Amino acid sequence: MLKSQSFRDAPNLLFNIKNDLNEQKNLIDSTKSEVVKVKEYLRQHIKDTFNFDEVEQKRIKWTNRLAEKFPLGIPKTIKDGMGII
């Protein structure tokens, strides 16, 4: 069983998760015919069905919503048992 990970600005990854559970050997450059067939299928499938720009815009939108809902930061005054810090 092969697992593929594709990235816009980084090398793609391909692992045999049945024989390599820790994903230590990247098969992306393998020339074995069965691996080449799977790579070509996956490459075409990703090209036909996945839009990196669309996903990035959704991620930005979701991140902004989360930032609004759960703002980070430290209050200007924090009360502890000893007074205001």
N, C-alpha and C. Protein backbone atom coordinates (compact mmCIF):
# COMPACT_ATOMS: atom_id res chain seq x y z
N MET A 1 0.85 -1.16 0.00
CA MET A 1 0.00 0.00 0.00
C MET A 1 0.90 1.23 0.00
N LEU A 2 0.65 2.13 -0.94
CA LEU A 2 1.47 3.33 -1.07
C LEU A 2 0.73 4.55 -0.52
N LYS A 3 1.50 5.44 0.06
CA LYS A 3 0.97 6.71 0.57
C LYS A 3 1.72 7.82 -0.13
N SER A 4 0.97 8.75 -0.69
CA SER A 4 1.56 9.87 -1.41
C SER A 4 1.24 11.18 -0.71
N GLN A 5 2.20 12.08 -0.68
CA GLN A 5 1.98 13.43 -0.17
C GLN A 5 2.54 14.39 -1.21
N SER A 6 1.70 15.35 -1.61
CA SER A 6 2.11 16.31 -2.63
C SER A 6 2.15 17.70 -2.03
N PHE A 7 3.12 18.47 -2.47
CA PHE A 7 3.33 19.81 -1.97
C PHE A 7 3.52 20.76 -3.15
N ARG A 8 3.19 22.02 -2.92
CA ARG A 8 3.39 23.02 -3.96
C ARG A 8 4.85 23.37 -4.09
N ASP A 9 5.52 23.65 -2.99
CA ASP A 9 6.88 24.18 -3.02
C ASP A 9 7.90 23.27 -2.33
N ALA A 10 7.63 21.98 -2.33
CA ALA A 10 8.57 21.03 -1.73
C ALA A 10 8.47 19.73 -2.51
N PRO A 11 9.49 18.90 -2.39
CA PRO A 11 9.45 17.61 -3.11
C PRO A 11 8.29 16.74 -2.62
N ASN A 12 7.69 16.03 -3.54
CA ASN A 12 6.62 15.10 -3.19
C ASN A 12 7.20 13.88 -2.49
N LEU A 13 6.34 13.20 -1.76
CA LEU A 13 6.75 12.02 -1.01
C LEU A 13 5.89 10.83 -1.41
N LEU A 14 6.48 9.66 -1.38
CA LEU A 14 5.76 8.43 -1.68
C LEU A 14 6.37 7.32 -0.84
N PHE A 15 5.52 6.69 -0.03
CA PHE A 15 6.00 5.65 0.88
C PHE A 15 5.17 4.39 0.73
N ASN A 16 5.82 3.26 0.96
CA ASN A 16 5.13 1.99 1.05
C ASN A 16 4.83 1.78 2.53
N ILE A 17 3.61 2.12 2.95
CA ILE A 17 3.31 2.09 4.39
C ILE A 17 3.09 0.68 4.92
N LYS A 18 3.00 -0.29 4.03
CA LYS A 18 2.92 -1.68 4.49
C LYS A 18 4.30 -2.17 4.91
N ASN A 19 5.32 -1.84 4.14
CA ASN A 19 6.68 -2.31 4.42
C ASN A 19 7.55 -1.28 5.14
N ASP A 20 7.07 -0.05 5.21
CA ASP A 20 7.86 1.03 5.78
C ASP A 20 6.95 1.90 6.65
N LEU A 21 6.55 1.35 7.80
CA LEU A 21 5.58 2.03 8.67
C LEU A 21 6.06 3.38 9.15
N ASN A 22 7.35 3.56 9.31
CA ASN A 22 7.89 4.82 9.82
C ASN A 22 8.19 5.83 8.71
N GLU A 23 7.85 5.47 7.50
CA GLU A 23 8.00 6.35 6.33
C GLU A 23 9.41 6.92 6.24
N GLN A 24 10.37 6.03 6.17
CA GLN A 24 11.77 6.43 6.13
C GLN A 24 12.36 6.41 4.72
N LYS A 25 11.74 5.63 3.81
CA LYS A 25 12.30 5.50 2.46
C LYS A 25 11.33 6.11 1.44
N ASN A 26 11.69 7.27 0.94
CA ASN A 26 10.87 7.95 -0.06
C ASN A 26 11.05 7.25 -1.41
N LEU A 27 9.95 6.77 -1.96
CA LEU A 27 10.00 6.02 -3.23
C LEU A 27 9.75 6.91 -4.45
N ILE A 28 9.67 8.21 -4.25
CA ILE A 28 9.28 9.10 -5.33
C ILE A 28 10.20 9.00 -6.55
N ASP A 29 11.46 8.66 -6.35
CA ASP A 29 12.39 8.54 -7.47
C ASP A 29 12.59 7.10 -7.94
N SER A 30 11.79 6.20 -7.43
CA SER A 30 11.92 4.79 -7.80
C SER A 30 11.62 4.60 -9.29
N THR A 31 12.34 3.68 -9.90
CA THR A 31 12.10 3.35 -11.30
C THR A 31 11.41 1.99 -11.46
N LYS A 32 11.02 1.37 -10.34
CA LYS A 32 10.28 0.11 -10.43
C LYS A 32 8.96 0.36 -11.15
N SER A 33 8.62 -0.51 -12.07
CA SER A 33 7.46 -0.27 -12.94
C SER A 33 6.16 -0.09 -12.17
N GLU A 34 5.95 -0.89 -11.11
CA GLU A 34 4.70 -0.76 -10.36
C GLU A 34 4.63 0.58 -9.62
N VAL A 35 5.77 1.07 -9.15
CA VAL A 35 5.81 2.36 -8.47
C VAL A 35 5.61 3.49 -9.48
N VAL A 36 6.23 3.37 -10.63
CA VAL A 36 6.09 4.38 -11.69
C VAL A 36 4.63 4.50 -12.11
N LYS A 37 3.93 3.38 -12.26
CA LYS A 37 2.51 3.41 -12.64
C LYS A 37 1.68 4.14 -11.60
N VAL A 38 1.91 3.83 -10.34
CA VAL A 38 1.16 4.48 -9.26
C VAL A 38 1.49 5.97 -9.22
N LYS A 39 2.76 6.31 -9.36
CA LYS A 39 3.16 7.73 -9.35
C LYS A 39 2.47 8.50 -10.46
N GLU A 40 2.44 7.94 -11.64
CA GLU A 40 1.81 8.62 -12.77
C GLU A 40 0.31 8.78 -12.54
N TYR A 41 -0.33 7.73 -12.03
CA TYR A 41 -1.76 7.81 -11.74
C TYR A 41 -2.03 8.91 -10.71
N LEU A 42 -1.27 8.90 -9.62
CA LEU A 42 -1.48 9.89 -8.57
C LEU A 42 -1.19 11.30 -9.06
N ARG A 43 -0.12 11.46 -9.82
CA ARG A 43 0.22 12.78 -10.36
C ARG A 43 -0.92 13.33 -11.21
N GLN A 44 -1.47 12.50 -12.07
CA GLN A 44 -2.57 12.94 -12.93
C GLN A 44 -3.83 13.20 -12.11
N HIS A 45 -4.11 12.34 -11.14
CA HIS A 45 -5.29 12.51 -10.30
C HIS A 45 -5.23 13.83 -9.53
N ILE A 46 -4.08 14.12 -8.96
CA ILE A 46 -3.91 15.38 -8.23
C ILE A 46 -4.07 16.57 -9.18
N LYS A 47 -3.48 16.47 -10.34
CA LYS A 47 -3.58 17.56 -11.32
C LYS A 47 -5.04 17.81 -11.72
N ASP A 48 -5.80 16.73 -11.85
CA ASP A 48 -7.20 16.84 -12.30
C ASP A 48 -8.17 17.24 -11.19
N THR A 49 -7.82 16.96 -9.94
CA THR A 49 -8.82 17.12 -8.88
C THR A 49 -8.44 18.06 -7.74
N PHE A 50 -7.21 18.52 -7.69
CA PHE A 50 -6.77 19.29 -6.53
C PHE A 50 -6.26 20.65 -6.98
N ASN A 51 -6.75 21.70 -6.31
CA ASN A 51 -6.35 23.05 -6.64
C ASN A 51 -5.65 23.67 -5.42
N PHE A 52 -4.33 23.77 -5.47
CA PHE A 52 -3.58 24.30 -4.35
C PHE A 52 -4.02 25.72 -3.98
N ASP A 53 -4.28 26.56 -4.99
CA ASP A 53 -4.69 27.94 -4.72
C ASP A 53 -6.01 27.99 -3.95
N GLU A 54 -6.95 27.16 -4.35
CA GLU A 54 -8.26 27.12 -3.68
C GLU A 54 -8.11 26.66 -2.23
N VAL A 55 -7.32 25.64 -2.03
CA VAL A 55 -7.12 25.13 -0.68
C VAL A 55 -6.40 26.17 0.18
N GLU A 56 -5.44 26.86 -0.39
CA GLU A 56 -4.73 27.89 0.37
C GLU A 56 -5.67 29.02 0.78
N GLN A 57 -6.55 29.44 -0.11
CA GLN A 57 -7.51 30.49 0.22
C GLN A 57 -8.46 30.04 1.33
N LYS A 58 -8.90 28.79 1.28
CA LYS A 58 -9.76 28.26 2.35
C LYS A 58 -9.01 28.24 3.67
N ARG A 59 -7.74 27.82 3.64
CA ARG A 59 -6.95 27.77 4.87
C ARG A 59 -6.79 29.17 5.47
N ILE A 60 -6.52 30.15 4.63
CA ILE A 60 -6.38 31.53 5.11
C ILE A 60 -7.68 32.01 5.73
N LYS A 61 -8.78 31.73 5.07
CA LYS A 61 -10.10 32.13 5.58
C LYS A 61 -10.38 31.47 6.93
N TRP A 62 -10.13 30.17 7.04
CA TRP A 62 -10.37 29.44 8.30
C TRP A 62 -9.44 29.94 9.40
N THR A 63 -8.18 30.19 9.05
CA THR A 63 -7.23 30.69 10.04
C THR A 63 -7.67 32.05 10.57
N ASN A 64 -8.14 32.91 9.68
CA ASN A 64 -8.61 34.23 10.11
C ASN A 64 -9.84 34.11 11.01
N ARG A 65 -10.76 33.21 10.67
CA ARG A 65 -11.93 32.99 11.52
C ARG A 65 -11.51 32.52 12.92
N LEU A 66 -10.59 31.58 12.96
CA LEU A 66 -10.12 31.08 14.26
C LEU A 66 -9.42 32.18 15.06
N ALA A 67 -8.63 33.01 14.38
CA ALA A 67 -7.93 34.10 15.07
C ALA A 67 -8.93 35.09 15.65
N GLU A 68 -10.01 35.34 14.95
CA GLU A 68 -11.04 36.24 15.47
C GLU A 68 -11.78 35.61 16.65
N LYS A 69 -12.08 34.34 16.53
CA LYS A 69 -12.84 33.65 17.56
C LYS A 69 -12.00 33.38 18.82
N PHE A 70 -10.73 33.08 18.62
CA PHE A 70 -9.84 32.74 19.73
C PHE A 70 -8.58 33.61 19.65
N PRO A 71 -8.71 34.89 19.97
CA PRO A 71 -7.54 35.77 19.87
C PRO A 71 -6.44 35.37 20.85
N LEU A 72 -5.23 35.52 20.40
CA LEU A 72 -4.08 35.22 21.25
C LEU A 72 -3.56 36.52 21.85
N GLY A 73 -2.84 36.39 22.87
CA GLY A 73 -2.22 37.57 23.46
C GLY A 73 -2.30 37.50 24.97
N ILE A 74 -1.59 38.41 25.57
CA ILE A 74 -1.56 38.47 27.02
C ILE A 74 -2.29 39.75 27.43
N PRO A 75 -3.22 39.64 28.33
CA PRO A 75 -3.91 40.85 28.79
C PRO A 75 -2.91 41.85 29.35
N LYS A 76 -3.25 43.15 29.24
CA LYS A 76 -2.34 44.18 29.72
C LYS A 76 -2.14 44.10 31.22
N THR A 77 -3.15 43.66 31.95
CA THR A 77 -2.99 43.48 33.39
C THR A 77 -3.46 42.07 33.73
N ILE A 78 -2.65 41.40 34.50
CA ILE A 78 -3.00 40.05 34.95
C ILE A 78 -3.02 40.08 36.47
N LYS A 79 -4.12 39.69 37.03
CA LYS A 79 -4.21 39.64 38.49
C LYS A 79 -3.74 38.28 38.97
N ASP A 80 -2.81 38.30 39.90
CA ASP A 80 -2.43 37.05 40.56
C ASP A 80 -2.71 37.24 42.04
N GLY A 81 -2.34 36.33 42.83
CA GLY A 81 -2.61 36.41 44.26
C GLY A 81 -1.92 37.57 44.95
N MET A 82 -0.93 38.15 44.30
CA MET A 82 -0.14 39.20 44.94
C MET A 82 -0.53 40.59 44.45
N GLY A 83 -1.37 40.70 43.48
CA GLY A 83 -1.74 42.02 42.95
C GLY A 83 -1.73 42.00 41.45
N ILE A 84 -1.59 43.17 40.87
CA ILE A 84 -1.59 43.29 39.40
C ILE A 84 -0.16 43.29 38.89
N ILE A 85 0.09 42.47 37.92
CA ILE A 85 1.42 42.38 37.32
C ILE A 85 1.48 43.36 36.16
